[in-house]
Amino acid sequence: MKFCPKCKSLLIPKKGKLTCSCGYSKKEIIEFKEEITHKKIEIVDENHELGTDTIPVVCWNCGNRGVYVKLNFYRSDEAPTRFYKCAKCKKIWRSSK
């Protein structure tokens, strides 16, 4: 990123020049680069336990009082999604509240 020497605003590339809203322009070769990084994805099968300890939540399917829980954060501006798995009947459900 380059800035205007007159008003210190960000210079914007237009038609082979770096231009500013104040009228300043400079001819310069512009090169854009983007680096792509690959992230590892963890695949969890249905038999995978969501946690090691159970919490006292009642299963909606069998009424058992004891489920595993795992929190996933998908977006930083939203509440985490909770995944529950019954210790008895192994049903899985989620809640984002």
N, C-alpha and C. Protein backbone atom coordinates (compact mmCIF):
# COMPACT_ATOMS: atom_id res chain seq x y z
N MET A 1 0.84 -1.17 0.00
CA MET A 1 0.00 0.00 0.00
C MET A 1 0.89 1.23 0.00
N LYS A 2 0.45 2.18 -0.77
CA LYS A 2 1.19 3.44 -0.84
C LYS A 2 0.23 4.57 -0.52
N PHE A 3 0.81 5.64 0.01
CA PHE A 3 0.01 6.77 0.44
C PHE A 3 0.44 8.04 -0.29
N CYS A 4 -0.50 8.97 -0.43
CA CYS A 4 -0.28 10.23 -1.12
C CYS A 4 0.69 11.10 -0.31
N PRO A 5 1.73 11.67 -0.96
CA PRO A 5 2.66 12.53 -0.22
C PRO A 5 2.04 13.89 0.14
N LYS A 6 0.95 14.29 -0.54
CA LYS A 6 0.32 15.57 -0.26
C LYS A 6 -0.65 15.49 0.93
N CYS A 7 -1.63 14.54 0.82
CA CYS A 7 -2.69 14.51 1.84
C CYS A 7 -2.67 13.26 2.71
N LYS A 8 -1.75 12.36 2.44
CA LYS A 8 -1.57 11.12 3.23
C LYS A 8 -2.73 10.12 3.08
N SER A 9 -3.56 10.26 2.05
CA SER A 9 -4.62 9.29 1.77
C SER A 9 -4.06 8.09 1.04
N LEU A 10 -4.82 7.04 1.00
CA LEU A 10 -4.42 5.82 0.31
C LEU A 10 -4.47 6.04 -1.20
N LEU A 11 -3.41 5.66 -1.91
CA LEU A 11 -3.38 5.77 -3.37
C LEU A 11 -4.09 4.58 -3.97
N ILE A 12 -4.96 4.84 -4.96
CA ILE A 12 -5.77 3.80 -5.59
C ILE A 12 -5.29 3.59 -7.01
N PRO A 13 -5.06 2.33 -7.43
CA PRO A 13 -4.61 2.07 -8.80
C PRO A 13 -5.74 2.27 -9.81
N LYS A 14 -5.46 3.08 -10.86
CA LYS A 14 -6.40 3.31 -11.95
C LYS A 14 -5.61 3.49 -13.24
N LYS A 15 -5.85 2.63 -14.21
CA LYS A 15 -5.26 2.73 -15.56
C LYS A 15 -3.75 2.90 -15.52
N GLY A 16 -3.05 2.07 -14.76
CA GLY A 16 -1.59 2.10 -14.71
C GLY A 16 -1.00 3.22 -13.87
N LYS A 17 -1.83 3.94 -13.16
CA LYS A 17 -1.36 5.02 -12.29
C LYS A 17 -1.91 4.83 -10.89
N LEU A 18 -1.19 5.37 -9.93
CA LEU A 18 -1.70 5.46 -8.57
C LEU A 18 -2.29 6.84 -8.40
N THR A 19 -3.58 6.91 -8.09
CA THR A 19 -4.25 8.21 -8.00
C THR A 19 -4.81 8.43 -6.61
N CYS A 20 -4.99 9.70 -6.29
CA CYS A 20 -5.53 10.11 -5.00
C CYS A 20 -6.73 11.00 -5.24
N SER A 21 -7.60 11.10 -4.25
CA SER A 21 -8.79 11.94 -4.36
C SER A 21 -8.44 13.43 -4.40
N CYS A 22 -7.25 13.80 -3.94
CA CYS A 22 -6.84 15.21 -3.96
C CYS A 22 -6.32 15.64 -5.33
N GLY A 23 -6.16 14.70 -6.28
CA GLY A 23 -5.68 15.03 -7.61
C GLY A 23 -4.28 14.55 -7.91
N TYR A 24 -3.56 14.12 -6.92
CA TYR A 24 -2.20 13.63 -7.12
C TYR A 24 -2.25 12.30 -7.87
N SER A 25 -1.32 12.11 -8.81
CA SER A 25 -1.20 10.82 -9.50
C SER A 25 0.27 10.55 -9.80
N LYS A 26 0.60 9.27 -9.87
CA LYS A 26 1.97 8.85 -10.12
C LYS A 26 1.92 7.60 -10.97
N LYS A 27 2.67 7.60 -12.08
CA LYS A 27 2.72 6.43 -12.95
C LYS A 27 3.67 5.41 -12.32
N GLU A 28 3.15 4.21 -12.11
CA GLU A 28 3.94 3.17 -11.46
C GLU A 28 3.44 1.80 -11.90
N ILE A 29 4.35 0.87 -12.01
CA ILE A 29 3.96 -0.50 -12.33
C ILE A 29 3.33 -1.10 -11.09
N ILE A 30 2.12 -1.62 -11.27
CA ILE A 30 1.36 -2.16 -10.15
C ILE A 30 1.30 -3.67 -10.28
N GLU A 31 1.66 -4.36 -9.23
CA GLU A 31 1.65 -5.82 -9.23
C GLU A 31 0.86 -6.30 -8.02
N PHE A 32 -0.15 -7.13 -8.29
CA PHE A 32 -0.97 -7.68 -7.21
C PHE A 32 -0.55 -9.11 -6.96
N LYS A 33 -0.40 -9.47 -5.71
CA LYS A 33 -0.06 -10.84 -5.33
C LYS A 33 -1.05 -11.30 -4.27
N GLU A 34 -1.40 -12.59 -4.35
CA GLU A 34 -2.29 -13.17 -3.35
C GLU A 34 -1.73 -14.53 -2.97
N GLU A 35 -1.60 -14.73 -1.68
CA GLU A 35 -1.08 -16.00 -1.18
C GLU A 35 -2.24 -16.82 -0.61
N ILE A 36 -2.35 -18.05 -1.06
CA ILE A 36 -3.42 -18.92 -0.61
C ILE A 36 -2.82 -19.97 0.32
N THR A 37 -3.40 -20.07 1.50
CA THR A 37 -2.95 -21.08 2.45
C THR A 37 -4.06 -22.09 2.65
N HIS A 38 -3.69 -23.33 2.75
CA HIS A 38 -4.66 -24.39 2.94
C HIS A 38 -4.74 -24.74 4.42
N LYS A 39 -5.97 -24.89 4.90
CA LYS A 39 -6.17 -25.25 6.29
C LYS A 39 -6.57 -26.71 6.39
N LYS A 40 -6.14 -27.34 7.46
CA LYS A 40 -6.52 -28.72 7.69
C LYS A 40 -7.96 -28.77 8.18
N ILE A 41 -8.71 -29.73 7.67
CA ILE A 41 -10.09 -29.92 8.08
C ILE A 41 -10.17 -31.21 8.87
N GLU A 42 -10.72 -31.11 10.06
CA GLU A 42 -10.87 -32.30 10.91
C GLU A 42 -12.22 -32.93 10.61
N ILE A 43 -12.19 -34.19 10.19
CA ILE A 43 -13.42 -34.92 9.91
C ILE A 43 -13.75 -35.76 11.13
N VAL A 44 -14.94 -35.53 11.65
CA VAL A 44 -15.38 -36.24 12.84
C VAL A 44 -16.47 -37.21 12.43
N ASP A 45 -16.27 -38.49 12.71
CA ASP A 45 -17.30 -39.46 12.36
C ASP A 45 -18.37 -39.51 13.43
N GLU A 46 -19.46 -40.20 13.15
CA GLU A 46 -20.60 -40.21 14.06
C GLU A 46 -20.29 -40.92 15.37
N ASN A 47 -19.31 -41.81 15.38
CA ASN A 47 -18.97 -42.55 16.59
C ASN A 47 -18.00 -41.78 17.49
N HIS A 48 -17.52 -40.64 17.02
CA HIS A 48 -16.57 -39.84 17.79
C HIS A 48 -17.29 -39.18 18.98
N GLU A 49 -16.72 -39.33 20.16
CA GLU A 49 -17.30 -38.70 21.35
C GLU A 49 -17.02 -37.21 21.30
N LEU A 50 -18.01 -36.41 21.62
CA LEU A 50 -17.87 -34.97 21.53
C LEU A 50 -17.12 -34.37 22.71
N GLY A 51 -17.02 -35.08 23.78
CA GLY A 51 -16.29 -34.61 24.94
C GLY A 51 -15.96 -35.79 25.82
N THR A 52 -15.22 -35.56 26.86
CA THR A 52 -14.86 -36.67 27.75
C THR A 52 -15.76 -36.74 28.96
N ASP A 53 -16.35 -35.64 29.35
CA ASP A 53 -17.24 -35.59 30.51
C ASP A 53 -18.66 -35.31 30.06
N THR A 54 -19.60 -35.86 30.80
CA THR A 54 -21.00 -35.58 30.48
C THR A 54 -21.48 -34.41 31.31
N ILE A 55 -22.49 -33.72 30.79
CA ILE A 55 -23.10 -32.62 31.51
C ILE A 55 -24.56 -33.00 31.79
N PRO A 56 -25.18 -32.42 32.79
CA PRO A 56 -26.54 -32.80 33.17
C PRO A 56 -27.62 -32.16 32.29
N VAL A 57 -27.63 -32.50 31.02
CA VAL A 57 -28.66 -32.05 30.09
C VAL A 57 -29.49 -33.27 29.74
N VAL A 58 -30.81 -33.10 29.64
CA VAL A 58 -31.70 -34.22 29.35
C VAL A 58 -31.78 -34.42 27.83
N CYS A 59 -31.59 -35.65 27.39
CA CYS A 59 -31.68 -36.01 25.97
C CYS A 59 -33.14 -35.92 25.53
N TRP A 60 -33.36 -35.30 24.39
CA TRP A 60 -34.71 -35.13 23.86
C TRP A 60 -35.28 -36.46 23.34
N ASN A 61 -34.41 -37.42 23.04
CA ASN A 61 -34.86 -38.68 22.44
C ASN A 61 -35.21 -39.74 23.48
N CYS A 62 -34.31 -39.98 24.44
CA CYS A 62 -34.52 -41.07 25.39
C CYS A 62 -34.74 -40.61 26.82
N GLY A 63 -34.52 -39.32 27.11
CA GLY A 63 -34.73 -38.81 28.45
C GLY A 63 -33.55 -39.02 29.39
N ASN A 64 -32.44 -39.56 28.87
CA ASN A 64 -31.24 -39.77 29.68
C ASN A 64 -30.68 -38.43 30.14
N ARG A 65 -30.22 -38.39 31.39
CA ARG A 65 -29.63 -37.16 31.94
C ARG A 65 -28.12 -37.32 31.92
N GLY A 66 -27.51 -36.98 30.82
CA GLY A 66 -26.07 -37.05 30.66
C GLY A 66 -25.71 -37.05 29.18
N VAL A 67 -25.15 -35.95 28.71
CA VAL A 67 -24.76 -35.85 27.30
C VAL A 67 -23.35 -35.27 27.21
N TYR A 68 -22.70 -35.57 26.10
CA TYR A 68 -21.41 -34.96 25.78
C TYR A 68 -21.68 -33.66 25.05
N VAL A 69 -20.79 -32.70 25.17
CA VAL A 69 -20.98 -31.41 24.51
C VAL A 69 -19.67 -30.95 23.89
N LYS A 70 -19.78 -30.25 22.74
CA LYS A 70 -18.63 -29.65 22.08
C LYS A 70 -19.06 -28.31 21.53
N LEU A 71 -18.25 -27.27 21.73
CA LEU A 71 -18.54 -25.93 21.23
C LEU A 71 -17.74 -25.68 19.96
N ASN A 72 -18.41 -25.14 18.94
CA ASN A 72 -17.75 -24.72 17.70
C ASN A 72 -18.05 -23.26 17.46
N PHE A 73 -17.00 -22.50 17.14
CA PHE A 73 -17.15 -21.09 16.84
C PHE A 73 -17.02 -20.92 15.33
N TYR A 74 -18.15 -20.64 14.66
CA TYR A 74 -18.14 -20.48 13.22
C TYR A 74 -17.92 -19.03 12.81
N ARG A 75 -18.49 -18.08 13.55
CA ARG A 75 -18.30 -16.67 13.28
C ARG A 75 -18.01 -15.96 14.59
N SER A 76 -17.14 -14.97 14.53
CA SER A 76 -16.75 -14.28 15.76
C SER A 76 -17.85 -13.38 16.31
N ASP A 77 -18.81 -12.99 15.47
CA ASP A 77 -19.87 -12.10 15.94
C ASP A 77 -21.15 -12.84 16.32
N GLU A 78 -21.12 -14.15 16.38
CA GLU A 78 -22.29 -14.94 16.75
C GLU A 78 -21.95 -15.84 17.94
N ALA A 79 -23.00 -16.32 18.58
CA ALA A 79 -22.82 -17.25 19.69
C ALA A 79 -22.26 -18.58 19.16
N PRO A 80 -21.53 -19.32 19.99
CA PRO A 80 -20.99 -20.60 19.52
C PRO A 80 -22.11 -21.62 19.29
N THR A 81 -21.88 -22.54 18.38
CA THR A 81 -22.82 -23.63 18.15
C THR A 81 -22.41 -24.78 19.06
N ARG A 82 -23.38 -25.30 19.81
CA ARG A 82 -23.11 -26.41 20.73
C ARG A 82 -23.63 -27.70 20.10
N PHE A 83 -22.77 -28.71 20.05
CA PHE A 83 -23.17 -30.02 19.58
C PHE A 83 -23.29 -30.93 20.79
N TYR A 84 -24.42 -31.62 20.90
CA TYR A 84 -24.69 -32.52 22.01
C TYR A 84 -24.80 -33.94 21.47
N LYS A 85 -24.33 -34.91 22.26
CA LYS A 85 -24.47 -36.33 21.92
C LYS A 85 -24.85 -37.08 23.18
N CYS A 86 -25.97 -37.77 23.12
CA CYS A 86 -26.44 -38.52 24.28
C CYS A 86 -25.49 -39.67 24.58
N ALA A 87 -25.17 -39.85 25.85
CA ALA A 87 -24.27 -40.94 26.26
C ALA A 87 -24.95 -42.29 26.17
N LYS A 88 -26.28 -42.30 26.17
CA LYS A 88 -27.01 -43.57 26.17
C LYS A 88 -27.44 -43.98 24.75
N CYS A 89 -28.23 -43.14 24.07
CA CYS A 89 -28.76 -43.52 22.75
C CYS A 89 -27.93 -43.02 21.58
N LYS A 90 -26.90 -42.20 21.83
CA LYS A 90 -25.96 -41.69 20.83
C LYS A 90 -26.57 -40.74 19.81
N LYS A 91 -27.75 -40.18 20.07
CA LYS A 91 -28.34 -39.19 19.17
C LYS A 91 -27.55 -37.89 19.28
N ILE A 92 -27.40 -37.19 18.15
CA ILE A 92 -26.65 -35.93 18.11
C ILE A 92 -27.61 -34.81 17.71
N TRP A 93 -27.50 -33.67 18.40
CA TRP A 93 -28.26 -32.49 18.03
C TRP A 93 -27.42 -31.27 18.33
N ARG A 94 -27.88 -30.13 17.83
CA ARG A 94 -27.10 -28.90 18.03
C ARG A 94 -28.00 -27.77 18.48
N SER A 95 -27.36 -26.76 19.05
CA SER A 95 -28.05 -25.57 19.50
C SER A 95 -27.11 -24.38 19.31
N SER A 96 -27.64 -23.29 18.79
CA SER A 96 -26.81 -22.10 18.61
C SER A 96 -27.28 -20.95 19.48
N LYS A 97 -28.06 -21.24 20.51
CA LYS A 97 -28.54 -20.20 21.42
C LYS A 97 -27.68 -20.09 22.63
